[in-house]
Amino acid sequence: MRIKEEFKRSGDFWLPSVPDRVLPGTLSISDGGDIELEIAGLFSNDEMETLLNDDWQSIERIVGHIEKDGLVTLDDCYYKTGTINLIGGRSKSLIHVSRVFTGVAYDEGTCPLFNTLTFSVEGIDEWVGISGIKVGLQTKENTATISYQQPTDISLYLNNNMQLLIVFDWKFRGSPVTKEAGISQKTYFKLVSKEARELADFVFVVHKITTLLCFAIDKAVSLDSMSATADNLRQDFGSGETRLVPVNIYYSSRPYSKDEPKIHQHDMLFGFGQIQGDAERKINDWIKAYEYLDPTFDLYFSAQTGVEQYLEVKFLTLAQGLEAFHRRKNGGSVSFGERIECIIKPFEAIIGNQTTREKLISRVVNTRNYLTHYDSSLKSKTARDESLWSLCLKMELLFQLHFLQLIGFSQSEIGSIITNYKQLRRKLQ
């Protein structure tokens, strides 16, 4: 999860089962969604006995009240460090937290249930490409106008009985003296369920929508915000007026890249506008594909996000992913080379003539076998440095061609994407 602004909140914290033992502390969330709570002491009246207990590290839930956000719930926690000062000083503990819910303090044993979950992914504005902002400039008359018409929400239905909405939020920006004014728009995905569901059910879909954008934008993009509501969680404003309580959610989500991507609307594999007429089916097909291609997706996006520090490891990750892709789709006990040949076959016209295809297969197989077994007889046939980088790009291309086919792009549509997307053409060189 991308955390663009520093999240560091002071507050008081306690266990739902021991509400009288309140400890001051600081909750911090760093970029990537890593969460830590530093508190003065331990959540036990007998700190020494706690440290000597083998089970002391794990804490199912911590609740508290922090600055700016108010109530907060921290789930699936464990002590990273715990110290006791035996000469009168203050004890201190550092606790790892898996998930944070702001705006609510759940009781012990209560499972958070939600009806809606709104989230944003890096690049969503560019990918959707819909804006309600219109700017008019008349230089001769020295006049300019800015107007806004909020776009209509886009509604798609998922096979898991959720509704996926693309929604548009906007803000007006001006100054009291009216020296400047502006309008900003932000696009979000919103999942809606008539029945209250656990967070895991929503996250299951969120992860797959995020990887779909990684694929479509052709960059490692991350989740950058998430909030949820529950029909039974409302704030009373008096006189019969109640409003849903927004619960902001933080956790360490994947995919995640340390470097924030630079995204341009006209520099991606495909945008929402290209699939809008068939978006519901394509998104459902992508989600369904995880049922049998989960390892393949994990390996491909692991290579894309740059988790692998070395080019050789990136290559092996891609090779393993291609092998897993063919095995999951076709099964059988065939050689690695035969699998690569089968993967290339539907796109022979794109990859090149027979000599080019055979050279690519041989290069992939020999490099994979050398880097796996370090057979010295294969060393001279192995791709290295720039040629290894070029080979990785061609392997990424094979993934992309099959993923496009997987969600229903025709051969002619794939050909148009190659024609219009220069990054894909470069991978063919």
Foldseek 3Di string as FASTA:
>chain_A
DADPDWAKWWWWKAALVCVPDIWTWIWTADGLQWIKIKTWAARDPPRVVLVVDPPNFWDAKMWTQIPPQGIKIFGTKTWPDWDDDPPPDITMTMMTTFKMKTPDYDHPPDFDWFFKKKWDKPCQCLQQVDAQWDKDDDPVVRDIDIDGDFDDKDWAAAPVQKIKIWGKDKDWDADPVGPDIDMDMDIIIMIGHPDIDGPVVVVLLVLLVQLVCCLFQVAFMDIHWMWGWHPPAWDDPDPPDIDTGIITMTGNDDDDAPDHDDGHNQATLHGCVVCVVPVNLLSNLSSVVCVQLVLLSVLLSCLRRCVDVDLLVSLLSLLVSLVSVQCSVPNDDDDSLVSLVVLCVVPDVPLDDPVSSVLLSQASVLQNCCSVPVDVVSPVSYDDDPRSVLSSLLSSLSVSVVSCVSSPDDPVNSVVSCVSHVSSVVSSD
